[in-house]
Structure formats: C-alpha cells, structure tokens
Amino acid sequence: MNRLKQIFENKHARIILLCVLALILLIAVYEVFFASESAASSYDETDIEARISSMLERVEGIDEASVMIVEEEGEPVSCIVVYRGEDSILSRMRILEIASSALSIEKEKVQVYRS
C-alpha cells in the first residue's frame, strides 16, 4: 500500500497513468461510435445475388451492378438493384426483366436505382 502511494505521488507516474487512461477512453469511443458504422455498411453478397449481378453486368449499358434480395421464410419477396451505367429506360427495363425472371417475382417488387 505504501509503495502504491509513492507511485501516485510521483509526477511522471501520474502523467503516464493519465495518458494510458485517455488512450483507453479514445479506443472505447472509437469502438462504440465508429467501428459499428463500418460493420453496418458492409454486406456479404449471397451466391444468387452475385450471379444476378454478374448477369446484369453483361448487358449493354450496364457497367456495374449490385443486387440485394429481400427474403421471407426463404422465398424472395423483393429485390433492390443499384447499377452504374446508362440512365435510360431500356437499361432499367432490362434490369427489371432479368431480376424478376431470375427470382420469379413480379416486376413491381424490383427497385432499380442508378448510382
């Protein structure tokens, strides 16, 4: 107990301890506020989503496509497609046709957005 009291009386020891506590606090704040954002923004594409994306990227006017399928009880309910390429009605119609046919869902359940 006496040794611990001597350590805290030392000015340099108090400064080092304060710096270590501040570093621990900064790490905790980063983990709480910033690490969760990167985890939430990452999304692992399923095999079917990757296959549909690959198929869409072969279509004229579509340079890059990303697909997300919403499922309920293992069945596709809706689909979101974000693509980079021509902003034309023909490109959007092709995306609607391919996605709805591949998933056997109505075209109204497919949302298409250009990035």
Protein backbone atom coordinates (compact mmCIF):
# COMPACT_ATOMS: atom_id res chain seq x y z
CA MET A 1 0.00 0.00 0.00
CA ASN A 2 2.83 2.33 0.86
CA ARG A 3 4.55 1.57 -2.49
CA LEU A 4 1.35 2.41 -4.40
CA LYS A 5 1.10 5.70 -2.53
CA GLN A 6 4.67 6.56 -3.52
CA ILE A 7 3.91 5.85 -7.19
CA PHE A 8 0.94 8.22 -7.21
CA GLU A 9 2.98 10.95 -5.53
CA ASN A 10 5.44 10.80 -8.44
CA LYS A 11 4.52 13.47 -11.02
CA HIS A 12 5.76 11.44 -14.03
CA ALA A 13 3.85 8.35 -12.95
CA ARG A 14 0.61 10.34 -12.72
CA ILE A 15 1.15 11.78 -16.21
CA ILE A 16 1.81 8.33 -17.69
CA LEU A 17 -1.25 6.89 -15.92
CA LEU A 18 -3.40 9.76 -17.19
CA CYS A 19 -2.16 9.21 -20.77
CA VAL A 20 -2.90 5.48 -20.59
CA LEU A 21 -6.42 6.15 -19.29
CA ALA A 22 -7.00 8.74 -22.05
CA LEU A 23 -5.84 6.22 -24.67
CA ILE A 24 -8.21 3.57 -23.31
CA LEU A 25 -11.05 6.09 -23.40
CA LEU A 26 -10.27 7.04 -27.01
CA ILE A 27 -10.23 3.39 -28.09
CA ALA A 28 -13.57 2.79 -26.35
CA VAL A 29 -15.15 5.83 -28.01
CA TYR A 30 -13.88 4.72 -31.43
CA GLU A 31 -15.26 1.20 -30.98
CA VAL A 32 -18.67 2.47 -29.91
CA PHE A 33 -19.18 5.25 -32.44
CA PHE A 34 -17.07 4.42 -35.50
CA ALA A 35 -16.45 0.67 -35.67
CA SER A 36 -20.18 -0.10 -35.84
CA GLU A 37 -20.57 2.13 -38.92
CA SER A 38 -18.10 0.11 -40.94
CA ALA A 39 -19.74 -3.15 -39.83
CA ALA A 40 -23.19 -1.88 -40.75
CA SER A 41 -22.11 -0.69 -44.17
CA SER A 42 -20.56 -3.97 -45.12
CA TYR A 43 -22.82 -6.52 -46.73
CA ASP A 44 -21.85 -10.02 -47.79
CA GLU A 45 -23.42 -10.79 -51.14
CA THR A 46 -25.09 -14.21 -51.44
CA ASP A 47 -24.40 -16.55 -54.35
CA ILE A 48 -27.69 -15.78 -56.11
CA GLU A 49 -27.11 -12.03 -55.71
CA ALA A 50 -23.62 -12.38 -57.15
CA ARG A 51 -24.93 -14.43 -60.08
CA ILE A 52 -27.64 -11.88 -60.90
CA SER A 53 -25.11 -9.01 -60.58
CA SER A 54 -22.77 -10.81 -62.94
CA MET A 55 -25.58 -11.40 -65.42
CA LEU A 56 -26.65 -7.75 -65.31
CA GLU A 57 -23.10 -6.55 -65.90
CA ARG A 58 -23.07 -8.42 -69.22
CA VAL A 59 -26.00 -6.36 -70.51
CA GLU A 60 -25.27 -3.43 -72.81
CA GLY A 61 -25.45 -0.10 -70.99
CA ILE A 62 -24.77 -1.54 -67.51
CA ASP A 63 -21.18 -1.22 -66.32
CA GLU A 64 -21.56 -2.40 -62.75
CA ALA A 65 -24.49 -3.80 -60.75
CA SER A 66 -25.12 -4.67 -57.13
CA VAL A 67 -28.14 -6.75 -56.10
CA MET A 68 -29.79 -7.25 -52.72
CA ILE A 69 -32.59 -9.77 -52.33
CA VAL A 70 -35.09 -9.48 -49.50
CA GLU A 71 -36.40 -12.86 -48.38
CA GLU A 72 -39.15 -14.01 -46.06
CA GLU A 73 -39.19 -17.63 -44.98
CA GLY A 74 -36.55 -18.48 -47.56
CA GLU A 75 -38.52 -17.08 -50.51
CA PRO A 76 -37.55 -13.89 -52.39
CA VAL A 77 -40.06 -11.14 -51.73
CA SER A 78 -38.37 -8.15 -53.33
CA CYS A 79 -35.11 -7.07 -54.91
CA ILE A 80 -33.05 -3.90 -54.99
CA VAL A 81 -30.62 -3.27 -57.84
CA VAL A 82 -28.12 -0.41 -57.84
CA TYR A 83 -26.23 -0.04 -61.10
CA ARG A 84 -23.70 2.18 -62.80
CA GLY A 85 -24.11 2.83 -66.49
CA GLU A 86 -26.56 4.40 -68.92
CA ASP A 87 -29.54 6.12 -67.34
CA SER A 88 -32.06 5.00 -69.91
CA ILE A 89 -35.47 3.39 -69.82
CA LEU A 90 -34.10 0.48 -71.86
CA SER A 91 -31.40 -0.25 -69.26
CA ARG A 92 -33.93 -0.10 -66.43
CA MET A 93 -36.37 -2.36 -68.31
CA ARG A 94 -33.62 -4.90 -68.95
CA ILE A 95 -32.72 -4.90 -65.25
CA LEU A 96 -36.38 -5.36 -64.29
CA GLU A 97 -36.80 -8.25 -66.73
CA ILE A 98 -33.65 -10.07 -65.66
CA ALA A 99 -34.11 -9.64 -61.91
CA SER A 100 -37.81 -10.54 -61.87
CA SER A 101 -37.28 -13.56 -64.12
CA ALA A 102 -34.29 -14.85 -62.15
CA LEU A 103 -36.15 -14.58 -58.84
CA SER A 104 -39.66 -15.43 -60.10
CA ILE A 105 -41.12 -12.28 -58.58
CA GLU A 106 -43.28 -9.53 -60.02
CA LYS A 107 -41.55 -6.59 -61.69
CA GLU A 108 -43.24 -4.24 -59.21
CA LYS A 109 -41.20 -5.90 -56.45
CA VAL A 110 -37.89 -4.93 -58.10
CA GLN A 111 -36.49 -1.48 -57.27
CA VAL A 112 -33.83 -0.10 -59.64
CA TYR A 113 -31.51 2.77 -58.77
CA ARG A 114 -28.63 4.30 -60.69
CA SER A 115 -25.54 5.23 -58.68
